[in-house]
Amino acid sequence: MAVTSFAPPWLVLRQAFRSVAASSSSYLHPTHNHTVLPSSPLPLRHSACRRCHVAEAMKGDVELLLKGVGDQAVAKEVKHILEMARRATSRREVLHTDFLTPPVVKESVSVLGKLADVAVVAQGGYPEAERCRISVGHPDVLTNDPDIVAALSITGNFGFQACSHGDFLGAILGTGITRDKLGDILIQEEKGAQVLIVPELVDFIVTALDKVGNVSVTCSKIPLLALEYEPPRTNTFKTIEASLRIDAVASAGFKISRSKLVDLISSGDVRVNWATVTKNGTTVKTGDVVSVSGKGRLKIGEINETKKGKYAVEIIRYL
């Protein structure tokens, strides 16, 4: 949409940057050291690094740029990243987030694409990564993919006691680090797991993590090229439901009672697209990812209305 203001570009830029608070964010990490990751970045790399005209990018305020972000929790995080990008560009430096959930990554890349003279790179350590870090900066400065993701191998005798994704996550968080410092966790069955993490915590985890469940483990840093990623195993089936309420669809998908699912919602253990669900009546749609603590996750596939007015829902359950 064209801008109707006739103010000169330099004045528009100055007013825009002055409107952004210079308060520090908990996940900002300035750097001027750029090295290319051994693995390919997300496919977002080519579509996300773009420039717009100054007049188009600086139209309106932050709230206008966030207008298309429906989820308020996601919008709040995107707002921080938007402010970070403007600071990085004005100071000609590169800033990084910690690991973000897929909805935040998606919306951030979309919003940042509307800013003038901003380059953005999203990286999770391997092409199919879900949790990613975002780097932003002026295109003249952000010329390579920053080296901001490291990988760890966690090995142990898991042949006698299998450990789940939750077991590995709980053990790592038990060392005292926060979830946003961790990327994806790739389970390797009897061999253990591989974990993506911020580089500055590699040595700490190698020293601090000695058990997952009841299994003694050894941690070591590995190159990103050594990651062993396979598409997740899934089981697909259909369920017929009277509505698309989360308590109905998720209880069928996870094969638990509806009352149990309601209890899990009440305790904050149910998430849709990585956002905690607080209402039983929340509806789901095709493409939504539903996760339940201790139960895993599933994806909502095709939805068709039956002749009797009910819904045939395809459930893709991750094993």
Protein backbone atom coordinates (compact mmCIF):
# COMPACT_ATOMS: atom_id res chain seq x y z
CA MET A 1 0.00 0.00 0.00
CA ALA A 2 1.41 3.36 -0.98
CA VAL A 3 2.38 5.90 1.66
CA THR A 4 0.60 9.23 1.46
CA SER A 5 3.08 11.17 3.63
CA PHE A 6 5.35 13.57 1.74
CA ALA A 7 7.96 13.72 4.49
CA PRO A 8 11.51 13.08 3.21
CA PRO A 9 12.81 9.52 3.72
CA TRP A 10 15.51 10.58 6.21
CA LEU A 11 12.86 12.16 8.44
CA VAL A 12 10.61 9.10 8.25
CA LEU A 13 13.54 6.86 9.22
CA ARG A 14 14.58 9.09 12.11
CA GLN A 15 11.04 9.23 13.51
CA ALA A 16 10.60 5.47 13.15
CA PHE A 17 13.80 4.57 14.94
CA ARG A 18 13.18 7.11 17.71
CA SER A 19 9.82 5.45 18.37
CA VAL A 20 11.47 2.15 19.20
CA ALA A 21 12.59 1.72 22.79
CA ALA A 22 16.25 0.90 23.20
CA SER A 23 15.56 -1.46 26.09
CA SER A 24 17.61 -4.63 26.04
CA SER A 25 15.98 -7.96 25.26
CA SER A 26 16.84 -11.20 27.04
CA TYR A 27 17.63 -12.89 23.78
CA LEU A 28 19.79 -10.32 21.99
CA HIS A 29 23.34 -11.33 21.16
CA PRO A 30 25.37 -8.81 19.06
CA THR A 31 28.09 -10.20 16.88
CA HIS A 32 30.20 -9.26 13.90
CA ASN A 33 31.63 -12.69 13.26
CA HIS A 34 29.96 -14.47 10.36
CA THR A 35 30.75 -18.03 9.35
CA VAL A 36 28.74 -20.28 7.09
CA LEU A 37 27.01 -23.17 8.82
CA PRO A 38 28.12 -26.59 7.59
CA SER A 39 24.51 -27.59 7.05
CA SER A 40 21.97 -25.87 4.85
CA PRO A 41 19.83 -23.20 6.51
CA LEU A 42 16.07 -23.34 6.43
CA PRO A 43 14.42 -22.81 3.06
CA LEU A 44 13.39 -19.43 4.50
CA ARG A 45 16.90 -18.09 3.73
CA HIS A 46 16.26 -17.10 0.13
CA SER A 47 12.72 -15.82 0.56
CA ALA A 48 13.42 -14.02 3.84
CA CYS A 49 16.42 -11.88 2.88
CA ARG A 50 14.82 -9.06 0.99
CA ARG A 51 14.69 -5.28 0.76
CA CYS A 52 11.79 -2.89 0.45
CA HIS A 53 11.56 0.78 -0.31
CA VAL A 54 11.99 3.01 2.71
CA ALA A 55 8.57 4.58 2.31
CA GLU A 56 6.84 1.19 2.22
CA ALA A 57 8.81 -0.29 5.11
CA MET A 58 8.36 2.58 7.51
CA LYS A 59 4.66 3.11 6.95
CA GLY A 60 2.60 3.25 10.11
CA ASP A 61 3.86 1.99 13.42
CA VAL A 62 4.75 -1.33 14.98
CA GLU A 63 1.12 -2.16 15.70
CA LEU A 64 0.25 -1.81 12.03
CA LEU A 65 3.03 -4.19 11.06
CA LEU A 66 1.70 -6.70 13.59
CA LYS A 67 -1.91 -6.36 12.49
CA GLY A 68 -1.88 -9.67 10.62
CA VAL A 69 -0.55 -11.68 13.58
CA GLY A 70 -3.62 -13.20 15.18
CA ASP A 71 -2.12 -14.90 18.24
CA GLN A 72 -1.34 -12.26 20.87
CA ALA A 73 1.43 -14.29 22.50
CA VAL A 74 3.12 -14.72 19.12
CA ALA A 75 2.58 -11.03 18.32
CA LYS A 76 4.34 -10.03 21.54
CA GLU A 77 7.45 -12.03 20.61
CA VAL A 78 7.39 -10.79 17.02
CA LYS A 79 7.24 -7.22 18.33
CA HIS A 80 10.48 -7.74 20.26
CA ILE A 81 12.15 -9.17 17.15
CA LEU A 82 10.87 -6.29 15.03
CA GLU A 83 12.36 -3.77 17.44
CA MET A 84 15.58 -5.76 17.52
CA ALA A 85 15.79 -5.67 13.72
CA ARG A 86 15.39 -1.91 13.62
CA ARG A 87 18.13 -1.46 16.22
CA ALA A 88 20.44 -3.83 14.36
CA THR A 89 19.90 -2.00 11.10
CA SER A 90 20.40 1.48 12.53
CA ARG A 91 23.59 0.42 14.32
CA ARG A 92 24.90 -1.65 11.42
CA GLU A 93 25.29 -4.77 13.58
CA VAL A 94 23.88 -8.30 13.64
CA LEU A 95 21.59 -9.49 16.44
CA HIS A 96 20.25 -12.96 17.18
CA THR A 97 17.27 -14.40 19.00
CA ASP A 98 17.32 -17.57 21.06
CA PHE A 99 15.43 -20.57 19.69
CA LEU A 100 11.88 -19.70 18.68
CA THR A 101 8.77 -21.80 18.07
CA PRO A 102 7.66 -22.33 14.46
CA PRO A 103 4.73 -19.84 14.63
CA VAL A 104 7.03 -17.09 15.89
CA VAL A 105 9.62 -17.86 13.20
CA LYS A 106 6.98 -17.82 10.47
CA GLU A 107 5.35 -14.56 11.55
CA SER A 108 8.68 -12.85 12.24
CA VAL A 109 10.00 -13.60 8.78
CA SER A 110 6.76 -12.30 7.27
CA VAL A 111 6.84 -9.04 9.24
CA LEU A 112 10.56 -8.47 8.75
CA GLY A 113 10.07 -8.79 5.03
CA LYS A 114 8.19 -5.49 5.16
CA LEU A 115 11.11 -3.54 6.61
CA ALA A 116 13.52 -1.55 4.52
CA ASP A 117 17.16 -2.62 4.37
CA VAL A 118 16.78 -5.59 6.71
CA ALA A 119 18.23 -9.05 6.07
CA VAL A 120 16.99 -12.02 8.08
CA VAL A 121 18.26 -15.59 8.41
CA ALA A 122 16.42 -18.41 10.23
CA GLN A 123 18.49 -21.40 11.30
CA GLY A 124 17.79 -24.51 13.33
CA GLY A 125 20.87 -26.60 12.51
CA TYR A 126 19.34 -28.67 9.71
CA PRO A 127 16.85 -27.93 6.89
CA GLU A 128 13.74 -29.45 8.53
CA ALA A 129 14.30 -27.94 11.98
CA GLU A 130 11.21 -26.73 13.82
CA ARG A 131 12.77 -24.57 16.51
CA CYS A 132 15.04 -21.94 14.96
CA ARG A 133 17.10 -18.88 15.79
CA ILE A 134 16.67 -15.71 13.78
CA SER A 135 19.51 -13.34 12.85
CA VAL A 136 18.79 -9.81 11.66
CA GLY A 137 20.93 -6.97 10.37
CA HIS A 138 21.55 -4.60 7.51
CA PRO A 139 22.17 -6.50 4.24
CA ASP A 140 25.61 -4.93 3.97
CA VAL A 141 26.53 -6.48 7.34
CA LEU A 142 24.59 -9.74 7.40
CA THR A 143 26.27 -11.26 4.37
CA ASN A 144 26.71 -14.86 5.58
CA ASP A 145 24.81 -17.31 7.77
CA PRO A 146 26.07 -16.72 11.34
CA ASP A 147 27.46 -19.64 13.32
CA ILE A 148 24.84 -19.59 16.10
CA VAL A 149 23.68 -23.22 16.36
CA ALA A 150 25.69 -26.09 17.85
CA ALA A 151 24.95 -29.82 18.15
CA LEU A 152 25.47 -32.29 21.00
CA SER A 153 25.38 -36.08 21.00
CA ILE A 154 23.99 -37.71 24.15
CA THR A 155 24.88 -41.40 24.35
CA GLY A 156 24.25 -44.13 26.90
CA ASN A 157 22.96 -47.66 27.35
CA PHE A 158 19.41 -46.99 26.19
CA GLY A 159 18.94 -50.54 24.92
CA PHE A 160 17.59 -51.65 28.29
CA GLN A 161 15.68 -48.49 29.14
CA ALA A 162 14.26 -46.43 26.30
CA CYS A 163 13.94 -42.70 26.92
CA SER A 164 11.49 -40.34 25.25
CA HIS A 165 11.82 -36.81 23.96
CA GLY A 166 10.38 -35.61 27.25
CA ASP A 167 13.00 -37.55 29.22
CA PHE A 168 15.87 -35.89 27.34
CA LEU A 169 14.25 -32.47 27.53
CA GLY A 170 13.58 -32.79 31.25
CA ALA A 171 17.13 -33.93 31.97
CA ILE A 172 18.65 -31.02 30.06
CA LEU A 173 16.36 -28.43 31.64
CA GLY A 174 17.18 -30.02 35.00
CA THR A 175 20.71 -28.64 34.65
CA GLY A 176 19.24 -25.16 35.04
CA ILE A 177 19.11 -23.83 31.47
CA THR A 178 15.91 -22.49 29.92
CA ARG A 179 13.92 -23.97 27.03
CA ASP A 180 14.73 -21.14 24.63
CA LYS A 181 18.41 -22.12 24.69
CA LEU A 182 17.52 -25.48 23.12
CA GLY A 183 16.52 -26.29 19.58
CA ASP A 184 15.18 -29.61 18.34
CA ILE A 185 15.94 -32.92 20.06
CA LEU A 186 16.48 -35.79 17.62
CA ILE A 187 15.80 -39.14 19.28
CA GLN A 188 18.04 -42.01 18.12
CA GLU A 189 16.39 -44.89 20.00
CA GLU A 190 19.11 -47.12 21.54
CA LYS A 191 21.90 -44.71 20.62
CA GLY A 192 20.48 -41.81 22.61
CA ALA A 193 19.76 -38.42 21.09
CA GLN A 194 21.23 -35.43 19.30
CA VAL A 195 20.42 -31.96 20.57
CA LEU A 196 20.63 -28.50 18.99
CA ILE A 197 21.73 -25.81 21.41
CA VAL A 198 23.21 -22.31 21.61
CA PRO A 199 27.02 -22.62 21.25
CA GLU A 200 27.83 -20.84 24.51
CA LEU A 201 26.19 -23.61 26.57
CA VAL A 202 27.90 -26.60 24.92
CA ASP A 203 30.70 -26.92 27.49
CA PHE A 204 28.27 -26.49 30.37
CA ILE A 205 25.95 -29.30 29.21
CA VAL A 206 28.89 -31.60 28.44
CA THR A 207 29.98 -31.20 32.06
CA ALA A 208 26.62 -30.97 33.85
CA LEU A 209 24.49 -33.63 32.13
CA ASP A 210 25.32 -37.11 33.40
CA LYS A 211 21.94 -38.86 33.47
CA VAL A 212 18.75 -39.11 31.42
CA GLY A 213 16.14 -40.94 33.44
CA ASN A 214 18.09 -43.72 35.14
CA VAL A 215 20.60 -44.03 32.30
CA SER A 216 24.11 -42.67 32.73
CA VAL A 217 25.07 -40.62 29.69
CA THR A 218 28.04 -39.01 27.98
CA CYS A 219 27.73 -35.74 26.07
CA SER A 220 29.99 -34.54 23.29
CA LYS A 221 29.92 -31.81 20.71
CA ILE A 222 29.44 -32.93 17.10
CA PRO A 223 29.48 -31.09 13.76
CA LEU A 224 26.11 -30.13 12.34
CA LEU A 225 26.91 -32.33 9.35
CA ALA A 226 26.92 -35.33 11.71
CA LEU A 227 23.24 -34.87 12.61
CA GLU A 228 21.24 -37.99 11.77
CA TYR A 229 17.82 -36.75 10.84
CA GLU A 230 15.00 -38.90 9.53
CA PRO A 231 11.43 -37.79 8.86
CA PRO A 232 9.33 -38.59 11.95
CA ARG A 233 7.34 -41.81 11.96
CA THR A 234 3.59 -41.26 11.94
CA ASN A 235 0.35 -43.16 12.15
CA THR A 236 -2.60 -41.73 10.22
CA PHE A 237 -6.23 -42.49 10.99
CA LYS A 238 -9.64 -40.81 10.90
CA THR A 239 -12.16 -39.96 13.56
CA ILE A 240 -15.75 -38.78 13.29
CA GLU A 241 -16.60 -35.97 15.69
CA ALA A 242 -19.67 -33.84 16.30
CA SER A 243 -17.51 -30.71 16.51
CA LEU A 244 -13.96 -29.50 15.98
CA ARG A 245 -13.47 -28.63 19.64
CA ILE A 246 -10.00 -29.37 20.94
CA ASP A 247 -11.32 -31.56 23.76
CA ALA A 248 -13.16 -33.78 21.29
CA VAL A 249 -10.56 -34.06 18.55
CA ALA A 250 -7.49 -34.33 20.79
CA SER A 251 -9.04 -36.94 23.07
CA ALA A 252 -9.74 -39.09 20.01
CA GLY A 253 -6.29 -38.43 18.57
CA PHE A 254 -4.42 -39.33 21.75
CA LYS A 255 -6.91 -42.08 22.63
CA ILE A 256 -7.67 -40.76 26.09
CA SER A 257 -11.00 -39.86 27.67
CA ARG A 258 -12.48 -36.48 27.03
CA SER A 259 -12.60 -35.75 30.77
CA LYS A 260 -8.88 -36.54 31.04
CA LEU A 261 -8.15 -34.18 28.14
CA VAL A 262 -10.17 -31.45 29.87
CA ASP A 263 -8.07 -31.95 33.00
CA LEU A 264 -4.89 -31.64 30.94
CA ILE A 265 -6.18 -28.39 29.44
CA SER A 266 -6.91 -27.07 32.93
CA SER A 267 -3.36 -27.86 34.04
CA GLY A 268 -1.84 -26.09 31.02
CA ASP A 269 -0.53 -29.28 29.40
CA VAL A 270 -2.25 -28.91 26.01
CA ARG A 271 -0.89 -26.72 23.22
CA VAL A 272 -2.03 -25.89 19.70
CA ASN A 273 0.71 -24.66 17.38
CA TRP A 274 2.98 -24.39 20.44
CA ALA A 275 0.60 -22.01 22.24
CA THR A 276 -1.02 -23.20 25.49
CA VAL A 277 -4.75 -23.81 25.23
CA THR A 278 -6.90 -22.46 28.05
CA LYS A 279 -10.41 -23.18 26.79
CA ASN A 280 -12.02 -26.56 26.09
CA GLY A 281 -14.05 -25.02 23.30
CA THR A 282 -11.03 -23.96 21.25
CA THR A 283 -11.51 -25.27 17.71
CA VAL A 284 -8.86 -26.82 15.49
CA LYS A 285 -8.34 -26.66 11.74
CA THR A 286 -6.33 -28.41 9.06
CA GLY A 287 -2.60 -28.00 9.64
CA ASP A 288 -2.81 -27.38 13.38
CA VAL A 289 -0.24 -29.18 15.52
CA VAL A 290 -1.61 -30.36 18.87
CA SER A 291 0.75 -31.44 21.64
CA VAL A 292 0.03 -32.83 25.09
CA SER A 293 2.67 -33.10 27.80
CA GLY A 294 3.64 -36.72 28.26
CA LYS A 295 1.50 -37.87 25.33
CA GLY A 296 3.36 -36.53 22.30
CA ARG A 297 1.86 -34.60 19.43
CA LEU A 298 -0.34 -34.92 16.39
CA LYS A 299 -1.26 -32.91 13.33
CA ILE A 300 -4.74 -32.21 12.02
CA GLY A 301 -5.04 -33.39 8.44
CA GLU A 302 -7.95 -33.11 6.04
CA ILE A 303 -11.36 -32.24 7.50
CA ASN A 304 -14.60 -33.12 5.69
CA GLU A 305 -18.17 -32.61 6.78
CA THR A 306 -20.32 -35.75 6.68
CA LYS A 307 -23.87 -36.02 5.37
CA LYS A 308 -25.09 -36.09 8.96
CA GLY A 309 -23.42 -32.79 9.79
CA LYS A 310 -20.48 -34.23 11.65
CA TYR A 311 -16.77 -33.93 10.86
CA ALA A 312 -14.44 -36.59 9.47
CA VAL A 313 -11.03 -35.52 10.80
CA GLU A 314 -7.76 -36.99 9.59
CA ILE A 315 -5.33 -37.39 12.48
CA ILE A 316 -1.58 -37.68 11.87
CA ARG A 317 -0.08 -39.00 15.11
CA TYR A 318 3.68 -38.67 15.59
CA LEU A 319 5.17 -41.86 17.01
